[in-house]
C-alpha atoms as a PDB file:
ATOM      1  CA  MET A   1       0.000   0.000   0.000  1.00  0.00           C
ATOM      2  CA  GLU A   2       1.349   3.394  -0.945  1.00  0.00           C
ATOM      3  CA  HIS A   3       1.538   6.205   1.578  1.00  0.00           C
ATOM      4  CA  ILE A   4       2.199   9.913   1.257  1.00  0.00           C
ATOM      5  CA  SER A   5       5.594  11.368   2.189  1.00  0.00           C
ATOM      6  CA  LEU A   6       5.055  14.773   3.781  1.00  0.00           C
ATOM      7  CA  SER A   7       8.662  15.824   3.135  1.00  0.00           C
ATOM      8  CA  ALA A   8       8.340  14.904  -0.567  1.00  0.00           C
ATOM      9  CA  GLU A   9       5.089  16.887  -0.786  1.00  0.00           C
ATOM     10  CA  LEU A  10       6.631  19.943   0.886  1.00  0.00           C
ATOM     11  CA  GLY A  11       9.719  19.574  -1.314  1.00  0.00           C
ATOM     12  CA  GLU A  12       7.586  19.682  -4.448  1.00  0.00           C
ATOM     13  CA  ILE A  13       5.827  22.809  -3.168  1.00  0.00           C
ATOM     14  CA  ARG A  14       9.245  24.355  -2.492  1.00  0.00           C
ATOM     15  CA  TYR A  15      10.360  23.555  -6.064  1.00  0.00           C
ATOM     16  CA  ALA A  16       7.258  25.281  -7.440  1.00  0.00           C
ATOM     17  CA  ILE A  17       7.979  28.407  -5.386  1.00  0.00           C
ATOM     18  CA  GLU A  18      11.622  28.331  -6.507  1.00  0.00           C
ATOM     19  CA  GLY A  19      10.406  28.125 -10.131  1.00  0.00           C
ATOM     20  CA  ALA A  20       8.196  31.189  -9.676  1.00  0.00           C
ATOM     21  CA  HIS A  21      11.144  32.978  -8.034  1.00  0.00           C
ATOM     22  CA  TRP A  22      13.445  32.030 -10.927  1.00  0.00           C
ATOM     23  CA  ILE A  23      10.944  33.355 -13.488  1.00  0.00           C
ATOM     24  CA  ALA A  24      10.549  36.650 -11.594  1.00  0.00           C
ATOM     25  CA  ASP A  25      14.322  37.055 -11.292  1.00  0.00           C
ATOM     26  CA  SER A  26      14.816  36.282 -14.977  1.00  0.00           C
ATOM     27  CA  VAL A  27      12.316  38.948 -15.977  1.00  0.00           C
ATOM     28  CA  ALA A  28      13.798  41.489 -13.547  1.00  0.00           C
ATOM     29  CA  MET A  29      17.344  40.881 -14.798  1.00  0.00           C
ATOM     30  CA  GLY A  30      16.382  40.676 -18.476  1.00  0.00           C
ATOM     31  CA  THR A  31      17.672  37.124 -18.841  1.00  0.00           C
ATOM     32  CA  VAL A  32      14.506  35.353 -19.993  1.00  0.00           C
ATOM     33  CA  PRO A  33      15.629  32.682 -22.492  1.00  0.00           C
ATOM     34  CA  ASP A  34      12.812  33.622 -24.887  1.00  0.00           C
ATOM     35  CA  PRO A  35      12.313  37.424 -24.760  1.00  0.00           C
ATOM     36  CA  GLU A  36       9.009  37.109 -26.652  1.00  0.00           C
ATOM     37  CA  ARG A  37       7.544  35.340 -23.598  1.00  0.00           C
ATOM     38  CA  VAL A  38       8.361  38.027 -21.030  1.00  0.00           C
ATOM     39  CA  HIS A  39       4.750  39.242 -21.192  1.00  0.00           C
ATOM     40  CA  SER A  40       3.463  35.838 -20.018  1.00  0.00           C
ATOM     41  CA  ALA A  41       5.712  35.681 -16.937  1.00  0.00           C
ATOM     42  CA  PRO A  42       3.201  37.333 -14.542  1.00  0.00           C
ATOM     43  CA  VAL A  43       0.494  34.901 -15.628  1.00  0.00           C
ATOM     44  CA  ILE A  44       2.816  31.916 -15.162  1.00  0.00           C
ATOM     45  CA  ILE A  45       3.964  33.126 -11.736  1.00  0.00           C
ATOM     46  CA  SER A  46       0.358  33.721 -10.700  1.00  0.00           C
ATOM     47  CA  ALA A  47      -0.627  30.225 -11.842  1.00  0.00           C
ATOM     48  CA  ILE A  48       2.244  28.614  -9.920  1.00  0.00           C
ATOM     49  CA  LEU A  49       1.365  30.536  -6.751  1.00  0.00           C
ATOM     50  CA  LEU A  50      -2.315  29.628  -7.097  1.00  0.00           C
ATOM     51  CA  LEU A  51      -1.409  25.941  -7.383  1.00  0.00           C
ATOM     52  CA  VAL A  52       0.877  26.238  -4.333  1.00  0.00           C
ATOM     53  CA  GLU A  53      -1.829  28.043  -2.353  1.00  0.00           C
ATOM     54  CA  ASN A  54      -4.437  25.393  -3.181  1.00  0.00           C
ATOM     55  CA  ARG A  55      -2.074  22.513  -2.417  1.00  0.00           C
ATOM     56  CA  LEU A  56      -1.140  24.033   0.960  1.00  0.00           C
ATOM     57  CA  HIS A  57      -4.830  24.532   1.726  1.00  0.00           C
ATOM     58  CA  GLN A  58      -5.515  20.890   0.871  1.00  0.00           C
ATOM     59  CA  LEU A  59      -2.531  19.758   2.934  1.00  0.00           C
ATOM     60  CA  GLY A  60      -3.855  21.769   5.877  1.00  0.00           C
ATOM     61  CA  ARG A  61      -7.246  20.062   5.547  1.00  0.00           C
ATOM     62  CA  VAL A  62      -5.537  16.671   5.551  1.00  0.00           C
ATOM     63  CA  LEU A  63      -3.464  17.513   8.617  1.00  0.00           C
ATOM     64  CA  ARG A  64      -6.601  18.694  10.470  1.00  0.00           C
ATOM     65  CA  GLY A  65      -8.368  15.426   9.578  1.00  0.00           C
ATOM     66  CA  GLU A  66     -10.933  17.112   7.340  1.00  0.00           C
ATOM     67  CA  GLU A  67      -9.823  15.391   4.136  1.00  0.00           C
ATOM     68  CA  ASN A  68      -8.570  11.934   3.215  1.00  0.00           C
ATOM     69  CA  PRO A  69      -4.755  11.941   2.866  1.00  0.00           C
ATOM     70  CA  GLY A  70      -5.231   9.687  -0.148  1.00  0.00           C
ATOM     71  CA  HIS A  71      -6.354  12.773  -2.090  1.00  0.00           C
ATOM     72  CA  LEU A  72      -2.771  14.074  -1.877  1.00  0.00           C
ATOM     73  CA  LEU A  73      -1.229  10.928  -3.367  1.00  0.00           C
ATOM     74  CA  THR A  74       0.762  11.654  -6.536  1.00  0.00           C
ATOM     75  CA  PRO A  75       3.879  10.096  -8.067  1.00  0.00           C
ATOM     76  CA  HIS A  76       6.143  12.737  -6.475  1.00  0.00           C
ATOM     77  CA  ASN A  77       5.096  11.944  -2.896  1.00  0.00           C
ATOM     78  CA  ALA A  78       4.255   8.236  -3.059  1.00  0.00           C
ATOM     79  CA  THR A  79       6.191   6.023  -0.668  1.00  0.00           C
ATOM     80  CA  THR A  80       5.816   2.837   1.297  1.00  0.00           C
ATOM     81  CA  GLN A  81       6.370   2.554   5.010  1.00  0.00           C
ATOM     82  CA  GLU A  82       9.625   0.668   4.376  1.00  0.00           C
ATOM     83  CA  GLU A  83      10.972   3.265   1.926  1.00  0.00           C
ATOM     84  CA  ALA A  84      10.120   6.275   4.081  1.00  0.00           C
ATOM     85  CA  ASP A  85      12.882   8.143   5.847  1.00  0.00           C
ATOM     86  CA  ARG A  86      12.705   7.697   9.626  1.00  0.00           C
ATOM     87  CA  ASP A  87      12.546  11.478  10.035  1.00  0.00           C
ATOM     88  CA  ASP A  88       9.703  11.844   7.513  1.00  0.00           C
ATOM     89  CA  VAL A  89       6.030  12.090   8.378  1.00  0.00           C
ATOM     90  CA  VAL A  90       4.101   9.473   6.418  1.00  0.00           C
ATOM     91  CA  LEU A  91       0.406  10.004   5.811  1.00  0.00           C
ATOM     92  CA  ARG A  92      -1.854   7.030   5.224  1.00  0.00           C
ATOM     93  CA  ALA A  93      -4.985   7.127   3.115  1.00  0.00           C
ATOM     94  CA  TRP A  94      -8.165   6.365   4.983  1.00  0.00           C
ATOM     95  CA  ASP A  95      -9.156   2.747   4.538  1.00  0.00           C
ATOM     96  CA  TRP A  96     -12.526   2.595   2.811  1.00  0.00           C
ATOM     97  CA  SER A  97     -12.477  -1.215   2.420  1.00  0.00           C
ATOM     98  CA  GLY A  98     -15.191  -2.915   4.374  1.00  0.00           C
ATOM     99  CA  MET A  99     -17.425   0.145   4.305  1.00  0.00           C
ATOM    100  CA  SER A 100     -19.065   2.072   1.554  1.00  0.00           C
ATOM    101  CA  ARG A 101     -17.376   5.312   0.676  1.00  0.00           C
ATOM    102  CA  PRO A 102     -19.739   8.284   0.926  1.00  0.00           C
ATOM    103  CA  SER A 103     -20.324  10.147  -2.293  1.00  0.00           C
ATOM    104  CA  PRO A 104     -19.084  13.741  -2.228  1.00  0.00           C
ATOM    105  CA  SER A 105     -22.590  15.100  -2.911  1.00  0.00           C
ATOM    106  CA  LYS A 106     -24.141  13.134  -0.038  1.00  0.00           C
ATOM    107  CA  GLN A 107     -21.272  14.045   2.257  1.00  0.00           C
ATOM    108  CA  LYS A 108     -21.805  17.766   1.562  1.00  0.00           C
ATOM    109  CA  ASP A 109     -25.514  17.458   2.366  1.00  0.00           C
ATOM    110  CA  THR A 110     -24.903  15.786   5.715  1.00  0.00           C
ATOM    111  CA  GLU A 111     -21.681  17.527   6.700  1.00  0.00           C
ATOM    112  CA  GLN A 112     -22.060  20.284   9.251  1.00  0.00           C
ATOM    113  CA  PRO A 113     -19.448  23.036   9.441  1.00  0.00           C
ATOM    114  CA  HIS A 114     -17.055  22.643  12.352  1.00  0.00           C
ATOM    115  CA  PRO A 115     -15.489  25.483  14.308  1.00  0.00           C
ATOM    116  CA  ALA A 116     -11.814  26.116  13.716  1.00  0.00           C
ATOM    117  CA  ALA A 117      -9.431  24.208  15.967  1.00  0.00           C
ATOM    118  CA  GLY A 118      -9.105  25.807  19.385  1.00  0.00           C
ATOM    119  CA  THR A 119     -12.289  27.840  19.082  1.00  0.00           C
ATOM    120  CA  GLU A 120     -15.697  27.226  20.509  1.00  0.00           C
ATOM    121  CA  PRO A 121     -18.955  28.627  19.223  1.00  0.00           C
ATOM    122  CA  ILE A 122     -20.465  31.401  21.319  1.00  0.00           C
ATOM    123  CA  SER A 123     -24.013  30.738  22.428  1.00  0.00           C
ATOM    124  CA  PRO A 124     -26.505  33.548  21.767  1.00  0.00           C
ATOM    125  CA  LEU A 125     -26.766  34.240  25.515  1.00  0.00           C
ATOM    126  CA  GLU A 126     -23.043  34.941  25.793  1.00  0.00           C
ATOM    127  CA  LYS A 127     -22.913  37.518  23.014  1.00  0.00           C
ATOM    128  CA  ASN A 128     -22.326  41.110  24.020  1.00  0.00           C
ATOM    129  CA  PRO A 129     -25.252  43.489  23.540  1.00  0.00           C
ATOM    130  CA  PRO A 130     -24.931  45.807  20.571  1.00  0.00           C
ATOM    131  CA  ALA A 131     -23.272  49.130  21.271  1.00  0.00           C
ATOM    132  CA  GLU A 132     -25.517  52.154  21.510  1.00  0.00           C
ATOM    133  CA  PRO A 133     -25.352  54.687  18.683  1.00  0.00           C
ATOM    134  CA  ASN A 134     -22.776  57.466  19.160  1.00  0.00           C
ATOM    135  CA  LYS A 135     -20.742  55.325  21.575  1.00  0.00           C
ATOM    136  CA  GLN A 136     -18.584  53.590  18.892  1.00  0.00           C
ATOM    137  CA  GLY A 137     -18.264  50.095  20.365  1.00  0.00           C
ATOM    138  CA  GLU A 138     -18.178  51.102  24.045  1.00  0.00           C
ATOM    139  CA  GLN A 139     -19.713  48.619  26.431  1.00  0.00           C
ATOM    140  CA  PRO A 140     -22.396  50.056  28.731  1.00  0.00           C
ATOM    141  CA  THR A 141     -21.315  50.581  32.317  1.00  0.00           C
ATOM    142  CA  PRO A 142     -23.256  48.727  35.050  1.00  0.00           C
ATOM    143  CA  THR A 143     -25.177  51.908  35.951  1.00  0.00           C
ATOM    144  CA  GLU A 144     -26.220  52.450  32.306  1.00  0.00           C
ATOM    145  CA  GLU A 145     -27.523  48.879  32.066  1.00  0.00           C
ATOM    146  CA  GLN A 146     -29.761  49.269  35.128  1.00  0.00           C
ATOM    147  CA  SER A 147     -31.496  52.468  33.981  1.00  0.00           C
END
């Protein structure tokens, strides 16, 4: 069974950022190998950064347990437990054998949003009363509340 090497995944993200950096430096220094393509450099850099942003977002969801690590599996990060470096973090895909895998559309219908880690929802009774006009966010003093 293949697993996901976190260091290989982060390394690939680093290479993508280095590529965007190289393109930006090449444009800035006037050393683009094909000068006719200088105009496309901002679009290419933007695309690379968008891919990096989305991959980091997905990786964050996996690390928080919100997404199956198997969704990260690609040839660049595939490893087996035996091949993995002892210092590497190895992610294992969730085992769906023996149970039916929920369809994404059904999962969205039944999934309730969860608060961010380390936060708790505030019950309506605990919310602060709205500030009075002309007081710009000041909380009423105990004497103001009683009158």
